[in-house]
Amino acid sequence: MRMLCILVYNPEFYLMKHLSHFVKKGAYRVDTNGGNDNLAFVNPDGEIVLLYVNATKEDKFIKVIVKNKLLTATIKANSFNTFSF
């Protein structure tokens, strides 16, 4: 008997992929002012990692200030986005 397996990646798969690639062992989470759409971590080497989730059906324009530097970006609809500083 042959079995057909279908693999479907859900959003949580991509979230874990981003986190496991960019957030290193020994990192700690830091607070942000951006609401529930983002997570931020500081890696042991001082790198700051920001994960931004846009779960809406429309692109979003964001402004992020890290250490007095401004980042602006357009976040695509239904996406996970990772920034490192």
PDB file of N, CA and C in Angstrom:
ATOM      1  N   MET A   1       0.841  -1.165   0.000  1.00  0.00           N
ATOM      2  CA  MET A   1       0.000   0.000   0.000  1.00  0.00           C
ATOM      3  C   MET A   1       0.896   1.242   0.000  1.00  0.00           C
ATOM      4  N   ARG A   2       0.573   2.198  -0.838  1.00  0.00           N
ATOM      5  CA  ARG A   2       1.319   3.458  -0.906  1.00  0.00           C
ATOM      6  C   ARG A   2       0.542   4.529  -0.153  1.00  0.00           C
ATOM      7  N   MET A   3       1.290   5.347   0.564  1.00  0.00           N
ATOM      8  CA  MET A   3       0.666   6.447   1.290  1.00  0.00           C
ATOM      9  C   MET A   3       1.144   7.762   0.697  1.00  0.00           C
ATOM     10  N   LEU A   4       0.273   8.684   0.596  1.00  0.00           N
ATOM     11  CA  LEU A   4       0.606  10.016   0.115  1.00  0.00           C
ATOM     12  C   LEU A   4       0.641  10.949   1.313  1.00  0.00           C
ATOM     13  N   CYS A   5       1.767  11.586   1.515  1.00  0.00           N
ATOM     14  CA  CYS A   5       1.903  12.558   2.606  1.00  0.00           C
ATOM     15  C   CYS A   5       1.971  13.954   2.014  1.00  0.00           C
ATOM     16  N   ILE A   6       1.208  14.833   2.567  1.00  0.00           N
ATOM     17  CA  ILE A   6       1.221  16.225   2.133  1.00  0.00           C
ATOM     18  C   ILE A   6       1.753  17.058   3.282  1.00  0.00           C
ATOM     19  N   LEU A   7       2.784  17.822   2.987  1.00  0.00           N
ATOM     20  CA  LEU A   7       3.403  18.675   3.994  1.00  0.00           C
ATOM     21  C   LEU A   7       2.916  20.101   3.793  1.00  0.00           C
ATOM     22  N   VAL A   8       2.360  20.678   4.846  1.00  0.00           N
ATOM     23  CA  VAL A   8       1.870  22.055   4.790  1.00  0.00           C
ATOM     24  C   VAL A   8       2.548  22.831   5.914  1.00  0.00           C
ATOM     25  N   TYR A   9       3.242  23.898   5.545  1.00  0.00           N
ATOM     26  CA  TYR A   9       3.880  24.741   6.550  1.00  0.00           C
ATOM     27  C   TYR A   9       2.894  25.780   7.042  1.00  0.00           C
ATOM     28  N   ASN A  10       2.675  25.819   8.346  1.00  0.00           N
ATOM     29  CA  ASN A  10       1.773  26.811   8.916  1.00  0.00           C
ATOM     30  C   ASN A  10       2.586  28.018   9.388  1.00  0.00           C
ATOM     31  N   PRO A  11       1.933  29.113   9.751  1.00  0.00           N
ATOM     32  CA  PRO A  11       2.672  30.314  10.159  1.00  0.00           C
ATOM     33  C   PRO A  11       3.628  30.088  11.335  1.00  0.00           C
ATOM     34  N   GLU A  12       3.277  29.202  12.247  1.00  0.00           N
ATOM     35  CA  GLU A  12       4.141  28.940  13.386  1.00  0.00           C
ATOM     36  C   GLU A  12       5.478  28.334  12.959  1.00  0.00           C
ATOM     37  N   PHE A  13       5.473  27.558  11.878  1.00  0.00           N
ATOM     38  CA  PHE A  13       6.723  27.010  11.348  1.00  0.00           C
ATOM     39  C   PHE A  13       7.669  28.145  10.976  1.00  0.00           C
ATOM     40  N   TYR A  14       7.156  29.147  10.266  1.00  0.00           N
ATOM     41  CA  TYR A  14       7.997  30.264   9.827  1.00  0.00           C
ATOM     42  C   TYR A  14       8.434  31.127  11.003  1.00  0.00           C
ATOM     43  N   LEU A  15       7.572  31.271  11.994  1.00  0.00           N
ATOM     44  CA  LEU A  15       7.950  32.006  13.195  1.00  0.00           C
ATOM     45  C   LEU A  15       9.128  31.324  13.887  1.00  0.00           C
ATOM     46  N   MET A  16       9.048  30.025  14.075  1.00  0.00           N
ATOM     47  CA  MET A  16      10.137  29.287  14.728  1.00  0.00           C
ATOM     48  C   MET A  16      11.403  29.313  13.874  1.00  0.00           C
ATOM     49  N   LYS A  17      11.248  29.277  12.558  1.00  0.00           N
ATOM     50  CA  LYS A  17      12.402  29.357  11.661  1.00  0.00           C
ATOM     51  C   LYS A  17      13.136  30.682  11.863  1.00  0.00           C
ATOM     52  N   HIS A  18      12.398  31.776  11.900  1.00  0.00           N
ATOM     53  CA  HIS A  18      13.006  33.086  12.115  1.00  0.00           C
ATOM     54  C   HIS A  18      13.686  33.158  13.475  1.00  0.00           C
ATOM     55  N   LEU A  19      12.954  32.753  14.500  1.00  0.00           N
ATOM     56  CA  LEU A  19      13.514  32.848  15.846  1.00  0.00           C
ATOM     57  C   LEU A  19      14.764  31.988  16.009  1.00  0.00           C
ATOM     58  N   SER A  20      14.726  30.765  15.521  1.00  0.00           N
ATOM     59  CA  SER A  20      15.872  29.872  15.718  1.00  0.00           C
ATOM     60  C   SER A  20      17.078  30.285  14.887  1.00  0.00           C
ATOM     61  N   HIS A  21      16.858  31.006  13.795  1.00  0.00           N
ATOM     62  CA  HIS A  21      17.980  31.450  12.963  1.00  0.00           C
ATOM     63  C   HIS A  21      18.644  32.710  13.522  1.00  0.00           C
ATOM     64  N   PHE A  22      17.859  33.661  13.998  1.00  0.00           N
ATOM     65  CA  PHE A  22      18.401  34.959  14.385  1.00  0.00           C
ATOM     66  C   PHE A  22      18.655  35.115  15.877  1.00  0.00           C
ATOM     67  N   VAL A  23      17.853  34.484  16.726  1.00  0.00           N
ATOM     68  CA  VAL A  23      18.013  34.618  18.171  1.00  0.00           C
ATOM     69  C   VAL A  23      18.941  33.508  18.655  1.00  0.00           C
ATOM     70  N   LYS A  24      20.080  33.909  19.195  1.00  0.00           N
ATOM     71  CA  LYS A  24      21.129  32.957  19.579  1.00  0.00           C
ATOM     72  C   LYS A  24      20.971  32.487  21.028  1.00  0.00           C
ATOM     73  N   LYS A  25      21.601  31.383  21.328  1.00  0.00           N
ATOM     74  CA  LYS A  25      21.586  30.840  22.690  1.00  0.00           C
ATOM     75  C   LYS A  25      22.150  31.879  23.649  1.00  0.00           C
ATOM     76  N   GLY A  26      21.455  32.103  24.745  1.00  0.00           N
ATOM     77  CA  GLY A  26      21.888  33.096  25.723  1.00  0.00           C
ATOM     78  C   GLY A  26      21.264  34.467  25.525  1.00  0.00           C
ATOM     79  N   ALA A  27      20.466  34.632  24.465  1.00  0.00           N
ATOM     80  CA  ALA A  27      19.788  35.909  24.219  1.00  0.00           C
ATOM     81  C   ALA A  27      18.707  36.121  25.271  1.00  0.00           C
ATOM     82  N   TYR A  28      18.341  37.379  25.460  1.00  0.00           N
ATOM     83  CA  TYR A  28      17.231  37.666  26.361  1.00  0.00           C
ATOM     84  C   TYR A  28      16.244  38.603  25.667  1.00  0.00           C
ATOM     85  N   ARG A  29      15.009  38.488  26.075  1.00  0.00           N
ATOM     86  CA  ARG A  29      13.939  39.287  25.472  1.00  0.00           C
ATOM     87  C   ARG A  29      13.908  40.662  26.121  1.00  0.00           C
ATOM     88  N   VAL A  30      13.640  41.691  25.321  1.00  0.00           N
ATOM     89  CA  VAL A  30      13.508  43.048  25.826  1.00  0.00           C
ATOM     90  C   VAL A  30      12.132  43.593  25.456  1.00  0.00           C
ATOM     91  N   ASP A  31      11.668  44.549  26.238  1.00  0.00           N
ATOM     92  CA  ASP A  31      10.365  45.159  25.994  1.00  0.00           C
ATOM     93  C   ASP A  31      10.433  46.110  24.803  1.00  0.00           C
ATOM     94  N   THR A  32       9.297  46.253  24.135  1.00  0.00           N
ATOM     95  CA  THR A  32       9.157  47.217  23.043  1.00  0.00           C
ATOM     96  C   THR A  32       7.918  48.063  23.302  1.00  0.00           C
ATOM     97  N   ASN A  33       7.805  49.143  22.571  1.00  0.00           N
ATOM     98  CA  ASN A  33       6.638  50.017  22.683  1.00  0.00           C
ATOM     99  C   ASN A  33       5.658  49.791  21.548  1.00  0.00           C
ATOM    100  N   GLY A  34       5.893  48.787  20.710  1.00  0.00           N
ATOM    101  CA  GLY A  34       5.121  48.628  19.492  1.00  0.00           C
ATOM    102  C   GLY A  34       3.878  47.779  19.585  1.00  0.00           C
ATOM    103  N   GLY A  35       3.460  47.403  20.745  1.00  0.00           N
ATOM    104  CA  GLY A  35       2.265  46.578  20.852  1.00  0.00           C
ATOM    105  C   GLY A  35       2.589  45.098  20.758  1.00  0.00           C
ATOM    106  N   ASN A  36       1.594  44.314  20.379  1.00  0.00           N
ATOM    107  CA  ASN A  36       1.741  42.863  20.354  1.00  0.00           C
ATOM    108  C   ASN A  36       2.223  42.322  19.018  1.00  0.00           C
ATOM    109  N   ASP A  37       2.557  43.192  18.082  1.00  0.00           N
ATOM    110  CA  ASP A  37       2.968  42.747  16.750  1.00  0.00           C
ATOM    111  C   ASP A  37       4.453  42.436  16.650  1.00  0.00           C
ATOM    112  N   ASN A  38       5.199  42.600  17.741  1.00  0.00           N
ATOM    113  CA  ASN A  38       6.634  42.403  17.623  1.00  0.00           C
ATOM    114  C   ASN A  38       7.242  41.796  18.875  1.00  0.00           C
ATOM    115  N   LEU A  39       8.407  41.211  18.687  1.00  0.00           N
ATOM    116  CA  LEU A  39       9.240  40.676  19.766  1.00  0.00           C
ATOM    117  C   LEU A  39      10.648  41.182  19.536  1.00  0.00           C
ATOM    118  N   ALA A  40      11.360  41.486  20.599  1.00  0.00           N
ATOM    119  CA  ALA A  40      12.742  41.933  20.454  1.00  0.00           C
ATOM    120  C   ALA A  40      13.628  41.163  21.428  1.00  0.00           C
ATOM    121  N   PHE A  41      14.838  40.866  20.966  1.00  0.00           N
ATOM    122  CA  PHE A  41      15.814  40.119  21.759  1.00  0.00           C
ATOM    123  C   PHE A  41      17.173  40.781  21.621  1.00  0.00           C
ATOM    124  N   VAL A  42      18.018  40.584  22.631  1.00  0.00           N
ATOM    125  CA  VAL A  42      19.415  40.997  22.547  1.00  0.00           C
ATOM    126  C   VAL A  42      20.256  39.734  22.622  1.00  0.00           C
ATOM    127  N   ASN A  43      21.036  39.493  21.578  1.00  0.00           N
ATOM    128  CA  ASN A  43      21.928  38.335  21.542  1.00  0.00           C
ATOM    129  C   ASN A  43      23.145  38.582  22.423  1.00  0.00           C
ATOM    130  N   PRO A  44      23.859  37.527  22.827  1.00  0.00           N
ATOM    131  CA  PRO A  44      25.031  37.688  23.688  1.00  0.00           C
ATOM    132  C   PRO A  44      26.092  38.636  23.121  1.00  0.00           C
ATOM    133  N   ASP A  45      26.177  38.770  21.801  1.00  0.00           N
ATOM    134  CA  ASP A  45      27.175  39.663  21.200  1.00  0.00           C
ATOM    135  C   ASP A  45      26.682  41.110  21.107  1.00  0.00           C
ATOM    136  N   GLY A  46      25.484  41.407  21.648  1.00  0.00           N
ATOM    137  CA  GLY A  46      24.942  42.762  21.636  1.00  0.00           C
ATOM    138  C   GLY A  46      24.027  43.045  20.467  1.00  0.00           C
ATOM    139  N   GLU A  47      23.942  42.136  19.504  1.00  0.00           N
ATOM    140  CA  GLU A  47      23.046  42.318  18.365  1.00  0.00           C
ATOM    141  C   GLU A  47      21.604  42.346  18.856  1.00  0.00           C
ATOM    142  N   ILE A  48      20.820  43.282  18.335  1.00  0.00           N
ATOM    143  CA  ILE A  48      19.403  43.375  18.663  1.00  0.00           C
ATOM    144  C   ILE A  48      18.618  42.774  17.509  1.00  0.00           C
ATOM    145  N   VAL A  49      17.692  41.884  17.830  1.00  0.00           N
ATOM    146  CA  VAL A  49      16.868  41.213  16.824  1.00  0.00           C
ATOM    147  C   VAL A  49      15.415  41.595  17.075  1.00  0.00           C
ATOM    148  N   LEU A  50      14.756  42.106  16.042  1.00  0.00           N
ATOM    149  CA  LEU A  50      13.350  42.476  16.122  1.00  0.00           C
ATOM    150  C   LEU A  50      12.562  41.604  15.152  1.00  0.00           C
ATOM    151  N   LEU A  51      11.573  40.915  15.665  1.00  0.00           N
ATOM    152  CA  LEU A  51      10.667  40.129  14.834  1.00  0.00           C
ATOM    153  C   LEU A  51       9.347  40.884  14.793  1.00  0.00           C
ATOM    154  N   TYR A  52       8.924  41.266  13.589  1.00  0.00           N
ATOM    155  CA  TYR A  52       7.675  42.005  13.419  1.00  0.00           C
ATOM    156  C   TYR A  52       6.700  41.153  12.620  1.00  0.00           C
ATOM    157  N   VAL A  53       5.494  41.014  13.128  1.00  0.00           N
ATOM    158  CA  VAL A  53       4.463  40.199  12.488  1.00  0.00           C
ATOM    159  C   VAL A  53       3.367  41.126  11.968  1.00  0.00           C
ATOM    160  N   ASN A  54       3.029  40.966  10.708  1.00  0.00           N
ATOM    161  CA  ASN A  54       1.877  41.677  10.146  1.00  0.00           C
ATOM    162  C   ASN A  54       0.843  40.625   9.778  1.00  0.00           C
ATOM    163  N   ALA A  55      -0.122  40.441  10.641  1.00  0.00           N
ATOM    164  CA  ALA A  55      -1.164  39.430  10.420  1.00  0.00           C
ATOM    165  C   ALA A  55      -2.371  39.989   9.692  1.00  0.00           C
ATOM    166  N   THR A  56      -2.275  41.227   9.228  1.00  0.00           N
ATOM    167  CA  THR A  56      -3.404  41.842   8.517  1.00  0.00           C
ATOM    168  C   THR A  56      -3.330  41.531   7.023  1.00  0.00           C
ATOM    169  N   LYS A  57      -4.360  41.903   6.316  1.00  0.00           N
ATOM    170  CA  LYS A  57      -4.424  41.659   4.873  1.00  0.00           C
ATOM    171  C   LYS A  57      -3.872  42.823   4.061  1.00  0.00           C
ATOM    172  N   GLU A  58      -3.316  43.816   4.745  1.00  0.00           N
ATOM    173  CA  GLU A  58      -2.761  44.978   4.058  1.00  0.00           C
ATOM    174  C   GLU A  58      -1.330  45.228   4.517  1.00  0.00           C
ATOM    175  N   ASP A  59      -0.528  45.798   3.621  1.00  0.00           N
ATOM    176  CA  ASP A  59       0.836  46.180   3.975  1.00  0.00           C
ATOM    177  C   ASP A  59       0.777  47.247   5.071  1.00  0.00           C
ATOM    178  N   LYS A  60       1.827  47.278   5.920  1.00  0.00           N
ATOM    179  CA  LYS A  60       1.917  48.286   6.980  1.00  0.00           C
ATOM    180  C   LYS A  60       3.232  49.034   6.840  1.00  0.00           C
ATOM    181  N   PHE A  61       3.207  50.312   7.091  1.00  0.00           N
ATOM    182  CA  PHE A  61       4.414  51.117   7.143  1.00  0.00           C
ATOM    183  C   PHE A  61       4.791  51.264   8.610  1.00  0.00           C
ATOM    184  N   ILE A  62       6.032  50.938   8.967  1.00  0.00           N
ATOM    185  CA  ILE A  62       6.456  51.032  10.365  1.00  0.00           C
ATOM    186  C   ILE A  62       7.673  51.928  10.492  1.00  0.00           C
ATOM    187  N   LYS A  63       7.828  52.485  11.691  1.00  0.00           N
ATOM    188  CA  LYS A  63       9.024  53.228  12.078  1.00  0.00           C
ATOM    189  C   LYS A  63       9.550  52.587  13.347  1.00  0.00           C
ATOM    190  N   VAL A  64      10.842  52.284  13.358  1.00  0.00           N
ATOM    191  CA  VAL A  64      11.481  51.664  14.516  1.00  0.00           C
ATOM    192  C   VAL A  64      12.677  52.524  14.900  1.00  0.00           C
ATOM    193  N   ILE A  65      12.774  52.850  16.177  1.00  0.00           N
ATOM    194  CA  ILE A  65      13.940  53.591  16.665  1.00  0.00           C
ATOM    195  C   ILE A  65      14.716  52.675  17.595  1.00  0.00           C
ATOM    196  N   VAL A  66      15.991  52.454  17.245  1.00  0.00           N
ATOM    197  CA  VAL A  66      16.887  51.629  18.055  1.00  0.00           C
ATOM    198  C   VAL A  66      18.177  52.411  18.250  1.00  0.00           C
ATOM    199  N   LYS A  67      18.515  52.660  19.499  1.00  0.00           N
ATOM    200  CA  LYS A  67      19.738  53.399  19.834  1.00  0.00           C
ATOM    201  C   LYS A  67      19.834  54.704  19.040  1.00  0.00           C
ATOM    202  N   ASN A  68      18.734  55.461  19.058  1.00  0.00           N
ATOM    203  CA  ASN A  68      18.652  56.774  18.405  1.00  0.00           C
ATOM    204  C   ASN A  68      18.806  56.722  16.889  1.00  0.00           C
ATOM    205  N   LYS A  69      18.615  55.575  16.275  1.00  0.00           N
ATOM    206  CA  LYS A  69      18.630  55.451  14.814  1.00  0.00           C
ATOM    207  C   LYS A  69      17.249  55.026  14.362  1.00  0.00           C
ATOM    208  N   LEU A  70      16.809  55.601  13.243  1.00  0.00           N
ATOM    209  CA  LEU A  70      15.464  55.353  12.735  1.00  0.00           C
ATOM    210  C   LEU A  70      15.495  54.382  11.563  1.00  0.00           C
ATOM    211  N   LEU A  71      14.653  53.362  11.636  1.00  0.00           N
ATOM    212  CA  LEU A  71      14.442  52.426  10.533  1.00  0.00           C
ATOM    213  C   LEU A  71      12.994  52.587  10.097  1.00  0.00           C
ATOM    214  N   THR A  72      12.780  52.737   8.795  1.00  0.00           N
ATOM    215  CA  THR A  72      11.424  52.735   8.255  1.00  0.00           C
ATOM    216  C   THR A  72      11.330  51.571   7.278  1.00  0.00           C
ATOM    217  N   ALA A  73      10.177  50.937   7.274  1.00  0.00           N
ATOM    218  CA  ALA A  73       9.997  49.782   6.383  1.00  0.00           C
ATOM    219  C   ALA A  73       8.527  49.585   6.083  1.00  0.00           C
ATOM    220  N   THR A  74       8.265  49.025   4.933  1.00  0.00           N
ATOM    221  CA  THR A  74       6.918  48.592   4.589  1.00  0.00           C
ATOM    222  C   THR A  74       6.864  47.087   4.795  1.00  0.00           C
ATOM    223  N   ILE A  75       5.973  46.661   5.651  1.00  0.00           N
ATOM    224  CA  ILE A  75       5.833  45.257   6.016  1.00  0.00           C
ATOM    225  C   ILE A  75       4.688  44.669   5.195  1.00  0.00           C
ATOM    226  N   LYS A  76       4.989  43.660   4.429  1.00  0.00           N
ATOM    227  CA  LYS A  76       3.986  43.021   3.573  1.00  0.00           C
ATOM    228  C   LYS A  76       2.877  42.388   4.414  1.00  0.00           C
ATOM    229  N   ALA A  77       1.699  42.295   3.829  1.00  0.00           N
ATOM    230  CA  ALA A  77       0.553  41.665   4.495  1.00  0.00           C
ATOM    231  C   ALA A  77       0.856  40.193   4.789  1.00  0.00           C
ATOM    232  N   ASN A  78       0.335  39.706   5.906  1.00  0.00           N
ATOM    233  CA  ASN A  78       0.474  38.297   6.295  1.00  0.00           C
ATOM    234  C   ASN A  78       1.923  37.825   6.247  1.00  0.00           C
ATOM    235  N   SER A  79       2.796  38.517   6.971  1.00  0.00           N
ATOM    236  CA  SER A  79       4.209  38.149   6.909  1.00  0.00           C
ATOM    237  C   SER A  79       4.893  38.258   8.256  1.00  0.00           C
ATOM    238  N   PHE A  80       6.008  37.532   8.363  1.00  0.00           N
ATOM    239  CA  PHE A  80       6.947  37.652   9.469  1.00  0.00           C
ATOM    240  C   PHE A  80       8.163  38.373   8.918  1.00  0.00           C
ATOM    241  N   ASN A  81       8.722  39.305   9.680  1.00  0.00           N
ATOM    242  CA  ASN A  81       9.868  40.081   9.232  1.00  0.00           C
ATOM    243  C   ASN A  81      10.872  40.171  10.358  1.00  0.00           C
ATOM    244  N   THR A  82      12.132  39.957  10.047  1.00  0.00           N
ATOM    245  CA  THR A  82      13.173  39.998  11.059  1.00  0.00           C
ATOM    246  C   THR A  82      14.182  41.068  10.695  1.00  0.00           C
ATOM    247  N   PHE A  83      14.489  41.904  11.679  1.00  0.00           N
ATOM    248  CA  PHE A  83      15.494  42.960  11.510  1.00  0.00           C
ATOM    249  C   PHE A  83      16.560  42.744  12.576  1.00  0.00           C
ATOM    250  N   SER A  84      17.812  42.957  12.216  1.00  0.00           N
ATOM    251  CA  SER A  84      18.873  42.861  13.218  1.00  0.00           C
ATOM    252  C   SER A  84      19.685  44.139  13.188  1.00  0.00           C
ATOM    253  N   PHE A  85      20.057  44.594  14.379  1.00  0.00           N
ATOM    254  CA  PHE A  85      20.806  45.841  14.541  1.00  0.00           C
ATOM    255  C   PHE A  85      22.071  45.568  15.329  1.00  0.00           C
TER     256      PHE A  85
END
